[in-house]
Protein backbone atom coordinates (compact mmCIF):
# COMPACT_ATOMS: atom_id res chain seq x y z
CA MET A 1 0.00 0.00 0.00
CA GLN A 2 2.81 2.32 0.82
CA HIS A 3 4.44 1.45 -2.47
CA LYS A 4 1.27 2.40 -4.37
CA LEU A 5 1.04 5.74 -2.59
CA GLN A 6 4.66 6.54 -3.41
CA SER A 7 4.21 5.65 -7.05
CA ILE A 8 1.05 7.77 -7.26
CA LEU A 9 2.87 10.72 -5.64
CA ALA A 10 5.88 10.25 -7.95
CA CYS A 11 3.63 10.23 -11.01
CA ALA A 12 1.56 13.23 -9.81
CA ALA A 13 4.48 15.31 -8.47
CA ALA A 14 5.81 16.47 -11.83
CA PRO A 15 2.41 17.59 -13.22
CA PHE A 16 1.50 19.16 -9.86
CA CYS A 17 4.77 21.15 -9.71
CA LEU A 18 4.40 22.15 -13.34
CA PHE A 19 0.80 23.27 -12.68
CA SER A 20 1.94 25.25 -9.58
CA PHE A 21 4.67 27.08 -11.50
CA VAL A 22 2.32 27.87 -14.40
CA LEU A 23 -0.36 29.11 -11.98
CA LEU A 24 2.14 31.21 -10.01
CA GLY A 25 3.53 32.70 -13.23
CA SER A 26 0.04 33.44 -14.55
CA VAL A 27 -1.03 35.14 -11.31
CA GLY A 28 2.19 37.19 -11.27
CA LEU A 29 1.75 38.19 -14.91
CA ILE A 30 -1.87 39.15 -14.33
CA ARG A 31 -0.89 41.15 -11.22
CA LEU A 32 1.90 43.00 -13.00
CA VAL A 33 0.30 43.58 -16.41
CA VAL A 34 -3.44 43.04 -16.52
CA VAL A 35 -4.53 44.45 -13.13
CA PRO A 36 -2.81 47.85 -13.64
CA LEU A 37 -4.43 48.13 -17.05
CA LEU A 38 -7.87 47.37 -15.62
CA THR A 39 -7.54 49.54 -12.49
CA ARG A 40 -6.40 52.77 -14.15
CA VAL A 41 -8.82 55.63 -13.69
CA ASP A 42 -9.00 58.77 -15.77
CA ILE A 43 -9.22 61.82 -13.46
CA ASN A 44 -9.18 65.24 -15.01
CA GLY A 45 -7.63 63.91 -18.20
CA GLU A 46 -4.82 62.11 -16.36
CA GLN A 47 -4.46 58.35 -15.91
CA GLN A 48 -4.17 57.41 -12.23
CA GLN A 49 -3.25 54.08 -10.68
CA LEU A 50 -5.19 52.61 -7.78
CA GLY A 51 -2.26 53.02 -5.36
CA ALA A 52 -1.85 56.68 -6.27
CA LEU A 53 -5.59 57.20 -5.80
CA LEU A 54 -5.46 55.73 -2.31
CA GLU A 55 -2.57 58.06 -1.41
CA ARG A 56 -4.44 61.02 -2.90
CA HIS A 57 -7.56 60.08 -0.93
CA ALA A 58 -5.58 60.07 2.32
CA GLU A 59 -4.01 63.42 1.42
CA LEU A 60 -7.39 64.96 0.57
CA SER A 61 -8.93 63.59 3.77
CA ALA A 62 -6.18 65.27 5.81
CA MET A 63 -6.72 68.55 3.94
CA LEU A 64 -10.48 68.30 4.48
CA LEU A 65 -10.02 67.73 8.21
CA GLU A 66 -7.73 70.76 8.44
CA ALA A 67 -10.19 72.92 6.47
CA GLU A 68 -13.09 71.82 8.69
CA THR A 69 -11.04 72.70 11.77
CA LYS A 70 -10.34 76.17 10.38
CA ARG A 71 -13.99 76.62 9.44
CA SER A 72 -15.08 75.64 12.94
CA ALA A 73 -12.70 78.24 14.35
CA LEU A 74 -14.26 80.87 12.09
CA VAL A 75 -17.84 79.80 12.68
CA LEU A 76 -17.33 79.39 16.42
CA PRO A 77 -14.89 82.21 17.26
CA VAL A 78 -15.50 81.80 20.96
CA GLN A 79 -12.97 78.96 20.91
CA ASP A 80 -10.28 81.13 19.33
CA PRO A 81 -8.07 83.04 21.82
CA THR A 82 -8.02 86.03 19.45
CA TYR A 83 -11.75 86.42 20.07
CA GLY A 84 -11.12 87.04 23.76
CA VAL A 85 -8.53 89.70 22.98
CA LEU A 86 -10.94 91.41 20.57
CA LYS A 87 -13.74 91.39 23.14
CA ILE A 88 -11.50 93.08 25.71
CA GLU A 89 -10.43 95.69 23.16
CA GLN A 90 -14.06 96.33 22.19
CA GLN A 91 -15.00 96.87 25.83
CA THR A 92 -12.05 99.24 26.18
CA GLN A 93 -13.15 101.19 23.12
CA GLN A 94 -16.72 101.40 24.38
CA GLN A 95 -15.53 103.29 27.44
CA PHE A 96 -14.36 106.03 25.03
CA ASN A 97 -17.77 106.47 23.36
CA PRO A 98 -18.80 109.33 25.70
CA LEU A 99 -15.46 111.04 24.98
CA PHE A 100 -15.92 110.77 21.22
CA GLN A 101 -19.50 112.01 21.49
CA ALA A 102 -18.40 115.05 23.52
CA ILE A 103 -15.68 115.89 20.96
CA ASN A 104 -18.19 115.53 18.10
CA GLN A 105 -20.65 117.84 19.89
CA ILE A 106 -17.94 120.49 20.18
CA VAL A 107 -17.06 120.09 16.49
CA GLN A 108 -20.73 120.37 15.48
CA ALA A 109 -21.21 123.44 17.68
CA ALA A 110 -18.47 125.18 15.69
CA GLU A 111 -20.23 124.74 12.33
CA ARG A 112 -21.12 127.93 10.45
CA GLY A 113 -23.83 127.87 7.84
CA GLY A 114 -23.69 124.08 7.56
CA LYS A 115 -19.97 124.15 6.79
CA PRO A 116 -17.53 122.39 9.10
CA VAL A 117 -15.20 124.82 10.83
CA VAL A 118 -13.26 122.46 13.11
CA THR A 119 -12.12 119.38 11.18
CA LEU A 120 -10.74 116.25 12.78
CA GLN A 121 -8.36 114.45 10.45
CA GLU A 122 -7.15 112.02 13.10
CA ILE A 123 -8.43 110.79 16.44
CA HIS A 124 -6.09 108.19 17.90
CA VAL A 125 -6.26 106.64 21.36
CA ASN A 126 -2.98 105.17 22.58
CA TYR A 127 -4.01 102.62 25.21
CA VAL A 128 -0.48 101.99 26.42
CA GLU A 129 0.48 105.63 26.98
CA ARG A 130 -3.11 106.57 27.88
CA THR A 131 -3.22 109.51 25.51
CA LEU A 132 -5.57 110.91 22.89
CA ARG A 133 -4.13 112.50 19.76
CA LEU A 134 -6.26 115.00 17.86
CA ARG A 135 -5.03 116.33 14.54
CA GLY A 136 -6.86 118.58 12.12
CA ASP A 137 -7.46 122.22 11.37
CA VAL A 138 -9.89 125.11 11.71
CA ARG A 139 -11.14 126.31 8.32
CA ASN A 140 -14.06 128.27 6.86
CA ALA A 141 -13.62 130.81 9.64
CA GLY A 142 -11.67 133.47 7.76
CA GLN A 143 -9.67 135.84 9.98
CA SER A 144 -11.07 134.28 13.17
CA SER A 145 -9.58 130.80 12.63
CA VAL A 146 -7.10 131.28 15.48
CA SER A 147 -9.81 132.42 17.90
CA VAL A 148 -12.02 129.44 16.90
CA LEU A 149 -9.04 127.14 17.57
CA ALA A 150 -8.63 128.73 21.02
CA TRP A 151 -12.37 128.20 21.68
CA PHE A 152 -12.04 124.54 20.57
CA ILE A 153 -9.10 123.95 22.94
CA ASP A 154 -10.98 125.60 25.84
CA SER A 155 -14.04 123.44 25.06
CA LEU A 156 -11.89 120.30 25.13
CA ARG A 157 -10.70 121.26 28.64
CA SER A 158 -14.30 120.93 29.88
CA ILE A 159 -14.39 117.18 29.04
CA PRO A 160 -13.77 115.20 32.25
CA MET A 161 -11.92 112.28 30.58
CA LEU A 162 -9.22 114.63 29.28
CA ALA A 163 -6.56 115.52 31.85
CA ASP A 164 -4.43 118.51 30.90
CA THR A 165 -5.21 119.73 27.39
CA PRO A 166 -2.05 121.40 26.08
CA THR A 167 -2.20 124.60 24.10
CA PRO A 168 -1.05 124.08 20.52
CA PRO A 169 0.86 126.78 18.68
CA TYR A 170 -1.69 129.22 17.32
CA GLU A 171 -0.87 130.00 13.71
CA ARG A 172 -2.81 130.99 10.66
CA LYS A 173 -1.83 129.59 7.27
CA GLU A 174 -3.03 130.26 3.77
CA ASP A 175 -4.01 127.58 1.26
CA PRO A 176 -5.40 128.17 -2.28
CA TYR A 177 -8.06 125.52 -1.74
CA LEU A 178 -8.87 125.95 1.97
CA GLY A 179 -8.24 129.66 2.30
CA GLN A 180 -7.11 130.73 5.75
CA TYR A 181 -6.84 127.89 8.24
CA SER A 182 -5.21 127.08 11.58
CA PRO A 183 -3.76 123.58 11.96
CA TYR A 184 -3.50 121.77 15.27
CA ASP A 185 -1.90 118.54 16.46
CA ILE A 186 -2.28 117.88 20.17
CA VAL A 187 -1.66 114.89 22.42
CA ILE A 188 -3.86 114.93 25.52
CA PRO A 189 -3.37 112.67 28.55
CA LEU A 190 -6.49 110.67 29.48
CA ARG A 191 -8.10 110.17 32.87
CA LEU A 192 -9.05 106.51 32.94
CA ASP A 193 -10.75 104.66 35.77
CA GLU A 194 -8.74 101.61 36.75
């Protein structure tokens, strides 16, 4: 019986080995030649392999996750630390609203015939130095531009948030477009409640 089994195995071994090598070669050839031809995908006019598509998918997924994170930060700014800084700055600026309103009332009180007489070209609050810079000029007042500037400075001294309003140099200049005008540029210390 053992002799029969050995003779059967000896007769079947050569065809079995030959079949195994042919099968292995066929599978390898199919894997190397046929599968890449069948799995190519045309994307945007460019042929892509399956492996490259998987890498591209992973790359796009990472980009999508990053974009969603950024969008969430924009949609929900409460989570962003910059939002807290902006809220504090807004609250700080809101404490200056009465000051700006008082300055605007003085400017409007100086109008003559609907024309602005005191112009504000710059209003700048320096939070660190606790100062207010006002820059502009007095125009449409003719010969009295210097006296209007003096009135404006005296009116600013009546605002409680302004500490010591300095006196700018009083000068009258001539401009072909503006006519006679008196420029000013003053930096005023602020009284701020701690």
